[in-house]
Amino acid sequence: MDDPQTFERLTQFFKDSGMQRNMAKVLAYLLICEPPRQSAGSIEKALSLSKGSVNTALNSLLLAKLIISYHAQKGRYLEYELDKDAWLRAVIYRVQSMQTIIAIADKGIRNNPRNERLIEMRTVYDMFFQHFKDYLDSLPPSSDRP
C-alpha cells in the first residue's frame, strides 16, 4: 500500500462515524488504491482480511451505493470501484435525514410544547438543514442526480 498513513486515518474516520471496522478498511482502501478497480481477492491480500470479511464489507458498501461492481475483462470475477457519485449521494442522504428528524421533533413538540430537549434538537437540525437547503434545491431533479 502506497500511503498507509492516509489509509489508517481514513479507516479511523469511517469507524468513528459508525462504520464496521472491515467495511471502513475496504472503503478506505478503495479510496487510495491503484488501480481504482480491485477484485475481492486483491482486497483480501492487500488488507490481510478473510474472504468472508471482504465479501461482507463489499456487499454492505454496494447496498449503501458507495461502490459499484464490474465484471472483470476476463469475466470470471467482479471488480469493485468507488462510485463517482458516492459522496454527493451520502451528503444528500444526510441532509434529507435532517428533514426526517425535524418532522419527528415537530410531532413531538405538538404533543408536548414545553419539551426543551426536543425544541433544542429541532432548532439545531433546522439550522443546519436551512444551510444545505439552497444547495439541494440547486441540484438537478432527483431522477437526474445520484
N, C-alpha and C. Protein backbone atom coordinates (compact mmCIF):
# COMPACT_ATOMS: atom_id res chain seq x y z
N MET A 1 0.86 -1.17 0.00
CA MET A 1 0.00 0.00 0.00
C MET A 1 0.91 1.24 0.00
N ASP A 2 0.63 2.15 -0.91
CA ASP A 2 1.50 3.32 -1.09
C ASP A 2 1.41 4.34 0.03
N ASP A 3 0.23 4.47 0.65
CA ASP A 3 0.04 5.53 1.64
C ASP A 3 -0.64 4.99 2.90
N PRO A 4 0.10 4.22 3.70
CA PRO A 4 -0.53 3.60 4.88
C PRO A 4 -1.05 4.60 5.90
N GLN A 5 -0.42 5.75 5.99
CA GLN A 5 -0.87 6.74 6.97
C GLN A 5 -2.26 7.29 6.61
N THR A 6 -2.47 7.61 5.34
CA THR A 6 -3.79 8.08 4.91
C THR A 6 -4.81 6.97 5.06
N PHE A 7 -4.41 5.74 4.70
CA PHE A 7 -5.31 4.60 4.86
C PHE A 7 -5.76 4.47 6.31
N GLU A 8 -4.83 4.53 7.25
CA GLU A 8 -5.17 4.39 8.67
C GLU A 8 -6.08 5.52 9.14
N ARG A 9 -5.79 6.73 8.71
CA ARG A 9 -6.62 7.88 9.12
C ARG A 9 -8.03 7.78 8.55
N LEU A 10 -8.14 7.39 7.29
CA LEU A 10 -9.46 7.22 6.69
C LEU A 10 -10.23 6.10 7.40
N THR A 11 -9.55 4.99 7.64
CA THR A 11 -10.20 3.87 8.34
C THR A 11 -10.72 4.32 9.69
N GLN A 12 -9.90 5.04 10.44
CA GLN A 12 -10.32 5.51 11.77
C GLN A 12 -11.48 6.48 11.67
N PHE A 13 -11.45 7.37 10.69
CA PHE A 13 -12.56 8.32 10.49
C PHE A 13 -13.86 7.57 10.23
N PHE A 14 -13.83 6.60 9.32
CA PHE A 14 -15.04 5.85 9.00
C PHE A 14 -15.54 5.05 10.21
N LYS A 15 -14.61 4.46 10.96
CA LYS A 15 -15.00 3.74 12.18
C LYS A 15 -15.63 4.70 13.19
N ASP A 16 -15.02 5.87 13.37
CA ASP A 16 -15.56 6.86 14.30
C ASP A 16 -16.94 7.35 13.87
N SER A 17 -17.22 7.24 12.58
CA SER A 17 -18.52 7.65 12.04
C SER A 17 -19.57 6.55 12.16
N GLY A 18 -19.18 5.41 12.73
CA GLY A 18 -20.13 4.33 12.98
C GLY A 18 -20.03 3.15 12.03
N MET A 19 -19.07 3.17 11.13
CA MET A 19 -18.92 2.08 10.18
C MET A 19 -18.20 0.91 10.85
N GLN A 20 -18.59 -0.29 10.48
CA GLN A 20 -17.95 -1.51 10.97
C GLN A 20 -16.49 -1.53 10.51
N ARG A 21 -15.61 -2.08 11.31
CA ARG A 21 -14.16 -1.99 11.09
C ARG A 21 -13.73 -2.46 9.70
N ASN A 22 -14.14 -3.65 9.29
CA ASN A 22 -13.69 -4.16 7.99
C ASN A 22 -14.30 -3.39 6.83
N MET A 23 -15.52 -2.93 6.99
CA MET A 23 -16.15 -2.10 5.97
C MET A 23 -15.36 -0.79 5.83
N ALA A 24 -14.96 -0.22 6.96
CA ALA A 24 -14.17 1.01 6.95
C ALA A 24 -12.83 0.79 6.25
N LYS A 25 -12.20 -0.35 6.52
CA LYS A 25 -10.93 -0.67 5.88
C LYS A 25 -11.07 -0.80 4.37
N VAL A 26 -12.10 -1.51 3.94
CA VAL A 26 -12.29 -1.72 2.50
C VAL A 26 -12.60 -0.39 1.81
N LEU A 27 -13.44 0.42 2.41
CA LEU A 27 -13.75 1.72 1.81
C LEU A 27 -12.51 2.60 1.75
N ALA A 28 -11.75 2.65 2.82
CA ALA A 28 -10.52 3.44 2.83
C ALA A 28 -9.56 2.94 1.75
N TYR A 29 -9.44 1.63 1.63
CA TYR A 29 -8.55 1.07 0.62
C TYR A 29 -8.99 1.46 -0.79
N LEU A 30 -10.30 1.36 -1.07
CA LEU A 30 -10.79 1.71 -2.40
C LEU A 30 -10.64 3.20 -2.70
N LEU A 31 -10.46 4.01 -1.69
CA LEU A 31 -10.21 5.44 -1.90
C LEU A 31 -8.77 5.72 -2.32
N ILE A 32 -7.84 4.86 -1.93
CA ILE A 32 -6.43 5.19 -2.19
C ILE A 32 -5.70 4.19 -3.07
N CYS A 33 -6.31 3.05 -3.38
CA CYS A 33 -5.61 2.01 -4.12
C CYS A 33 -5.40 2.41 -5.59
N GLU A 34 -4.39 1.81 -6.18
CA GLU A 34 -4.14 1.92 -7.61
C GLU A 34 -3.94 0.52 -8.16
N PRO A 35 -4.62 0.18 -9.19
CA PRO A 35 -5.63 0.94 -9.91
C PRO A 35 -6.91 1.05 -9.07
N PRO A 36 -7.81 1.96 -9.46
CA PRO A 36 -9.03 2.18 -8.68
C PRO A 36 -9.96 0.97 -8.61
N ARG A 37 -9.94 0.11 -9.62
CA ARG A 37 -10.76 -1.11 -9.62
C ARG A 37 -9.96 -2.25 -9.04
N GLN A 38 -10.58 -2.95 -8.08
CA GLN A 38 -9.90 -4.05 -7.40
C GLN A 38 -10.84 -5.25 -7.30
N SER A 39 -10.28 -6.43 -7.41
CA SER A 39 -11.05 -7.65 -7.18
C SER A 39 -11.13 -7.90 -5.68
N ALA A 40 -12.09 -8.73 -5.28
CA ALA A 40 -12.19 -9.10 -3.86
C ALA A 40 -10.89 -9.76 -3.40
N GLY A 41 -10.32 -10.59 -4.26
CA GLY A 41 -9.08 -11.27 -3.91
C GLY A 41 -7.93 -10.31 -3.68
N SER A 42 -7.84 -9.28 -4.50
CA SER A 42 -6.74 -8.31 -4.30
C SER A 42 -6.96 -7.48 -3.04
N ILE A 43 -8.21 -7.24 -2.70
CA ILE A 43 -8.52 -6.51 -1.46
C ILE A 43 -8.17 -7.39 -0.26
N GLU A 44 -8.56 -8.66 -0.32
CA GLU A 44 -8.21 -9.61 0.75
C GLU A 44 -6.71 -9.61 1.00
N LYS A 45 -5.96 -9.72 -0.08
CA LYS A 45 -4.50 -9.80 0.04
C LYS A 45 -3.91 -8.49 0.58
N ALA A 46 -4.36 -7.35 0.06
CA ALA A 46 -3.81 -6.07 0.47
C ALA A 46 -4.10 -5.76 1.93
N LEU A 47 -5.28 -6.18 2.41
CA LEU A 47 -5.71 -5.83 3.77
C LEU A 47 -5.54 -6.98 4.76
N SER A 48 -5.11 -8.13 4.28
CA SER A 48 -4.97 -9.32 5.14
C SER A 48 -6.27 -9.63 5.87
N LEU A 49 -7.36 -9.62 5.10
CA LEU A 49 -8.68 -9.95 5.64
C LEU A 49 -9.16 -11.25 5.02
N SER A 50 -10.07 -11.91 5.71
CA SER A 50 -10.63 -13.15 5.19
C SER A 50 -11.57 -12.86 4.03
N LYS A 51 -11.79 -13.88 3.22
CA LYS A 51 -12.71 -13.76 2.09
C LYS A 51 -14.10 -13.35 2.57
N GLY A 52 -14.58 -13.97 3.66
CA GLY A 52 -15.90 -13.64 4.20
C GLY A 52 -15.99 -12.20 4.66
N SER A 53 -14.94 -11.72 5.33
CA SER A 53 -14.94 -10.33 5.81
C SER A 53 -14.99 -9.34 4.65
N VAL A 54 -14.20 -9.62 3.62
CA VAL A 54 -14.17 -8.72 2.46
C VAL A 54 -15.51 -8.77 1.73
N ASN A 55 -16.06 -9.97 1.53
CA ASN A 55 -17.34 -10.07 0.82
C ASN A 55 -18.46 -9.38 1.59
N THR A 56 -18.47 -9.53 2.90
CA THR A 56 -19.48 -8.85 3.71
C THR A 56 -19.34 -7.34 3.59
N ALA A 57 -18.12 -6.84 3.67
CA ALA A 57 -17.87 -5.40 3.55
C ALA A 57 -18.26 -4.90 2.17
N LEU A 58 -17.88 -5.63 1.12
CA LEU A 58 -18.22 -5.21 -0.24
C LEU A 58 -19.73 -5.19 -0.45
N ASN A 59 -20.43 -6.21 0.05
CA ASN A 59 -21.89 -6.23 -0.08
C ASN A 59 -22.53 -5.06 0.64
N SER A 60 -22.03 -4.73 1.82
CA SER A 60 -22.57 -3.58 2.56
C SER A 60 -22.31 -2.28 1.82
N LEU A 61 -21.11 -2.13 1.26
CA LEU A 61 -20.77 -0.92 0.52
C LEU A 61 -21.59 -0.82 -0.77
N LEU A 62 -21.87 -1.96 -1.40
CA LEU A 62 -22.74 -1.96 -2.58
C LEU A 62 -24.15 -1.53 -2.21
N LEU A 63 -24.67 -2.07 -1.11
CA LEU A 63 -26.02 -1.71 -0.67
C LEU A 63 -26.12 -0.23 -0.32
N ALA A 64 -25.04 0.32 0.23
CA ALA A 64 -25.01 1.73 0.59
C ALA A 64 -24.75 2.62 -0.63
N LYS A 65 -24.53 1.98 -1.77
CA LYS A 65 -24.26 2.68 -3.03
C LYS A 65 -23.01 3.56 -2.97
N LEU A 66 -22.03 3.09 -2.21
CA LEU A 66 -20.75 3.79 -2.15
C LEU A 66 -19.78 3.24 -3.19
N ILE A 67 -19.99 1.99 -3.59
CA ILE A 67 -19.13 1.38 -4.61
C ILE A 67 -20.00 0.76 -5.69
N ILE A 68 -19.37 0.45 -6.81
CA ILE A 68 -20.05 -0.27 -7.88
C ILE A 68 -19.18 -1.47 -8.27
N SER A 69 -19.83 -2.47 -8.84
CA SER A 69 -19.10 -3.66 -9.27
C SER A 69 -19.16 -3.76 -10.79
N TYR A 70 -18.11 -4.34 -11.33
CA TYR A 70 -17.98 -4.55 -12.77
C TYR A 70 -17.50 -5.97 -12.99
N HIS A 71 -17.91 -6.55 -14.11
CA HIS A 71 -17.31 -7.84 -14.48
C HIS A 71 -15.91 -7.55 -14.99
N ALA A 72 -14.96 -8.30 -14.51
CA ALA A 72 -13.58 -8.13 -14.96
C ALA A 72 -13.52 -8.45 -16.46
N GLN A 73 -12.50 -7.97 -17.08
CA GLN A 73 -12.37 -8.15 -18.53
C GLN A 73 -12.44 -9.62 -18.94
N LYS A 74 -11.91 -10.48 -18.12
CA LYS A 74 -11.97 -11.90 -18.43
C LYS A 74 -13.30 -12.50 -18.00
N GLY A 75 -14.13 -11.74 -17.29
CA GLY A 75 -15.48 -12.13 -16.97
C GLY A 75 -15.67 -13.20 -15.91
N ARG A 76 -14.61 -13.60 -15.22
CA ARG A 76 -14.75 -14.68 -14.26
C ARG A 76 -14.98 -14.18 -12.84
N TYR A 77 -14.78 -12.92 -12.60
CA TYR A 77 -14.95 -12.38 -11.26
C TYR A 77 -15.35 -10.91 -11.37
N LEU A 78 -15.71 -10.34 -10.23
CA LEU A 78 -16.10 -8.94 -10.19
C LEU A 78 -14.95 -8.09 -9.72
N GLU A 79 -14.95 -6.86 -10.17
CA GLU A 79 -14.04 -5.85 -9.64
C GLU A 79 -14.89 -4.75 -9.05
N TYR A 80 -14.35 -4.06 -8.07
CA TYR A 80 -15.09 -3.05 -7.32
C TYR A 80 -14.35 -1.72 -7.40
N GLU A 81 -15.15 -0.67 -7.42
CA GLU A 81 -14.58 0.68 -7.52
C GLU A 81 -15.51 1.63 -6.79
N LEU A 82 -14.92 2.68 -6.24
CA LEU A 82 -15.71 3.71 -5.60
C LEU A 82 -16.64 4.33 -6.63
N ASP A 83 -17.91 4.51 -6.29
CA ASP A 83 -18.86 5.17 -7.18
C ASP A 83 -18.54 6.65 -7.22
N LYS A 84 -18.44 7.22 -8.41
CA LYS A 84 -18.05 8.63 -8.52
C LYS A 84 -19.05 9.57 -7.86
N ASP A 85 -20.29 9.13 -7.69
CA ASP A 85 -21.31 9.96 -7.05
C ASP A 85 -21.55 9.60 -5.58
N ALA A 86 -20.68 8.76 -5.04
CA ALA A 86 -20.90 8.26 -3.67
C ALA A 86 -20.98 9.37 -2.64
N TRP A 87 -20.09 10.32 -2.70
CA TRP A 87 -20.04 11.34 -1.65
C TRP A 87 -21.20 12.31 -1.76
N LEU A 88 -21.58 12.67 -2.98
CA LEU A 88 -22.74 13.54 -3.14
C LEU A 88 -23.99 12.82 -2.64
N ARG A 89 -24.12 11.54 -2.99
CA ARG A 89 -25.27 10.75 -2.53
C ARG A 89 -25.29 10.67 -1.01
N ALA A 90 -24.13 10.49 -0.39
CA ALA A 90 -24.05 10.39 1.07
C ALA A 90 -24.46 11.70 1.73
N VAL A 91 -24.02 12.83 1.17
CA VAL A 91 -24.38 14.13 1.74
C VAL A 91 -25.87 14.39 1.56
N ILE A 92 -26.40 14.09 0.38
CA ILE A 92 -27.84 14.27 0.14
C ILE A 92 -28.64 13.45 1.14
N TYR A 93 -28.23 12.22 1.36
CA TYR A 93 -28.92 11.36 2.32
C TYR A 93 -28.90 11.98 3.72
N ARG A 94 -27.74 12.48 4.13
CA ARG A 94 -27.63 13.08 5.47
C ARG A 94 -28.52 14.31 5.59
N VAL A 95 -28.53 15.14 4.56
CA VAL A 95 -29.36 16.35 4.60
C VAL A 95 -30.84 15.96 4.63
N GLN A 96 -31.22 14.99 3.80
CA GLN A 96 -32.62 14.56 3.80
C GLN A 96 -33.01 13.93 5.14
N SER A 97 -32.07 13.28 5.80
CA SER A 97 -32.39 12.70 7.10
C SER A 97 -32.64 13.80 8.14
N MET A 98 -32.06 14.98 7.92
CA MET A 98 -32.34 16.12 8.81
C MET A 98 -33.82 16.49 8.72
N GLN A 99 -34.38 16.45 7.51
CA GLN A 99 -35.81 16.74 7.36
C GLN A 99 -36.64 15.74 8.15
N THR A 100 -36.23 14.49 8.14
CA THR A 100 -36.97 13.45 8.85
C THR A 100 -36.96 13.72 10.36
N ILE A 101 -35.80 14.02 10.91
CA ILE A 101 -35.72 14.25 12.36
C ILE A 101 -36.46 15.53 12.75
N ILE A 102 -36.46 16.53 11.88
CA ILE A 102 -37.22 17.76 12.14
C ILE A 102 -38.71 17.45 12.19
N ALA A 103 -39.19 16.64 11.25
CA ALA A 103 -40.62 16.27 11.23
C ALA A 103 -40.99 15.47 12.48
N ILE A 104 -40.13 14.56 12.90
CA ILE A 104 -40.39 13.79 14.12
C ILE A 104 -40.44 14.71 15.32
N ALA A 105 -39.49 15.64 15.40
CA ALA A 105 -39.46 16.59 16.51
C ALA A 105 -40.71 17.46 16.51
N ASP A 106 -41.15 17.90 15.32
CA ASP A 106 -42.36 18.73 15.22
C ASP A 106 -43.56 18.02 15.83
N LYS A 107 -43.71 16.74 15.51
CA LYS A 107 -44.84 15.97 16.06
C LYS A 107 -44.72 15.85 17.58
N GLY A 108 -43.50 15.60 18.05
CA GLY A 108 -43.29 15.51 19.50
C GLY A 108 -43.56 16.83 20.20
N ILE A 109 -43.17 17.92 19.58
CA ILE A 109 -43.40 19.25 20.17
C ILE A 109 -44.89 19.58 20.20
N ARG A 110 -45.61 19.15 19.17
CA ARG A 110 -47.07 19.37 19.19
C ARG A 110 -47.70 18.63 20.37
N ASN A 111 -47.18 17.45 20.69
CA ASN A 111 -47.70 16.68 21.83
C ASN A 111 -47.24 17.25 23.16
N ASN A 112 -46.08 17.86 23.18
CA ASN A 112 -45.53 18.41 24.42
C ASN A 112 -44.76 19.70 24.09
N PRO A 113 -45.48 20.82 23.96
CA PRO A 113 -44.85 22.07 23.50
C PRO A 113 -43.78 22.64 24.43
N ARG A 114 -43.65 22.14 25.64
CA ARG A 114 -42.64 22.66 26.56
C ARG A 114 -41.41 21.75 26.68
N ASN A 115 -41.31 20.76 25.81
CA ASN A 115 -40.17 19.85 25.87
C ASN A 115 -38.95 20.55 25.27
N GLU A 116 -38.14 21.11 26.17
CA GLU A 116 -36.99 21.90 25.73
C GLU A 116 -35.96 21.07 24.98
N ARG A 117 -35.83 19.80 25.33
CA ARG A 117 -34.85 18.95 24.64
C ARG A 117 -35.22 18.76 23.19
N LEU A 118 -36.51 18.49 22.92
CA LEU A 118 -36.96 18.34 21.54
C LEU A 118 -36.84 19.66 20.78
N ILE A 119 -37.19 20.75 21.44
CA ILE A 119 -37.10 22.06 20.79
C ILE A 119 -35.66 22.38 20.43
N GLU A 120 -34.73 22.12 21.34
CA GLU A 120 -33.32 22.38 21.06
C GLU A 120 -32.80 21.51 19.92
N MET A 121 -33.15 20.22 19.95
CA MET A 121 -32.72 19.33 18.88
C MET A 121 -33.26 19.80 17.54
N ARG A 122 -34.54 20.14 17.51
CA ARG A 122 -35.17 20.59 16.27
C ARG A 122 -34.51 21.87 15.77
N THR A 123 -34.22 22.79 16.67
CA THR A 123 -33.59 24.06 16.31
C THR A 123 -32.23 23.84 15.65
N VAL A 124 -31.44 22.98 16.24
CA VAL A 124 -30.10 22.71 15.68
C VAL A 124 -30.20 22.05 14.31
N TYR A 125 -31.03 21.01 14.20
CA TYR A 125 -31.16 20.33 12.91
C TYR A 125 -31.72 21.28 11.85
N ASP A 126 -32.69 22.10 12.22
CA ASP A 126 -33.27 23.03 11.25
C ASP A 126 -32.24 24.05 10.79
N MET A 127 -31.41 24.53 11.71
CA MET A 127 -30.37 25.49 11.34
C MET A 127 -29.45 24.89 10.27
N PHE A 128 -29.00 23.66 10.49
CA PHE A 128 -28.12 23.03 9.51
C PHE A 128 -28.86 22.70 8.22
N PHE A 129 -30.10 22.24 8.34
CA PHE A 129 -30.88 21.92 7.14
C PHE A 129 -31.04 23.16 6.27
N GLN A 130 -31.38 24.29 6.87
CA GLN A 130 -31.55 25.53 6.09
C GLN A 130 -30.26 25.91 5.37
N HIS A 131 -29.14 25.64 6.00
CA HIS A 131 -27.83 25.90 5.40
C HIS A 131 -27.65 25.12 4.10
N PHE A 132 -28.08 23.86 4.11
CA PHE A 132 -27.90 22.98 2.96
C PHE A 132 -29.04 23.02 1.97
N LYS A 133 -30.18 23.56 2.37
CA LYS A 133 -31.38 23.53 1.51
C LYS A 133 -31.15 24.21 0.17
N ASP A 134 -30.54 25.39 0.18
CA ASP A 134 -30.30 26.09 -1.08
C ASP A 134 -29.45 25.24 -2.02
N TYR A 135 -28.46 24.57 -1.47
CA TYR A 135 -27.62 23.71 -2.30
C TYR A 135 -28.44 22.56 -2.88
N LEU A 136 -29.24 21.90 -2.04
CA LEU A 136 -30.07 20.80 -2.53
C LEU A 136 -31.02 21.27 -3.61
N ASP A 137 -31.59 22.45 -3.42
CA ASP A 137 -32.53 22.99 -4.40
C ASP A 137 -31.86 23.30 -5.73
N SER A 138 -30.55 23.54 -5.71
CA SER A 138 -29.85 23.85 -6.95
C SER A 138 -29.44 22.61 -7.74
N LEU A 139 -29.59 21.44 -7.15
CA LEU A 139 -29.23 20.21 -7.83
C LEU A 139 -30.28 19.85 -8.88
N PRO A 140 -29.90 19.06 -9.88
CA PRO A 140 -30.88 18.60 -10.88
C PRO A 140 -32.00 17.82 -10.20
N PRO A 141 -33.12 17.64 -10.86
CA PRO A 141 -34.21 16.84 -10.27
C PRO A 141 -33.69 15.48 -9.82
N SER A 142 -34.34 14.90 -8.84
CA SER A 142 -33.84 13.68 -8.22
C SER A 142 -33.62 12.54 -9.20
N SER A 143 -34.36 12.48 -10.31
CA SER A 143 -34.13 11.41 -11.27
C SER A 143 -32.82 11.56 -12.01
N ASP A 144 -32.27 12.78 -12.02
CA ASP A 144 -31.00 13.03 -12.70
C ASP A 144 -29.81 13.00 -11.77
N ARG A 145 -30.06 13.05 -10.49
CA ARG A 145 -28.94 13.09 -9.54
C ARG A 145 -28.63 11.71 -9.02
N PRO A 146 -27.47 11.61 -8.41
CA PRO A 146 -27.04 10.29 -7.91
C PRO A 146 -27.97 9.75 -6.85
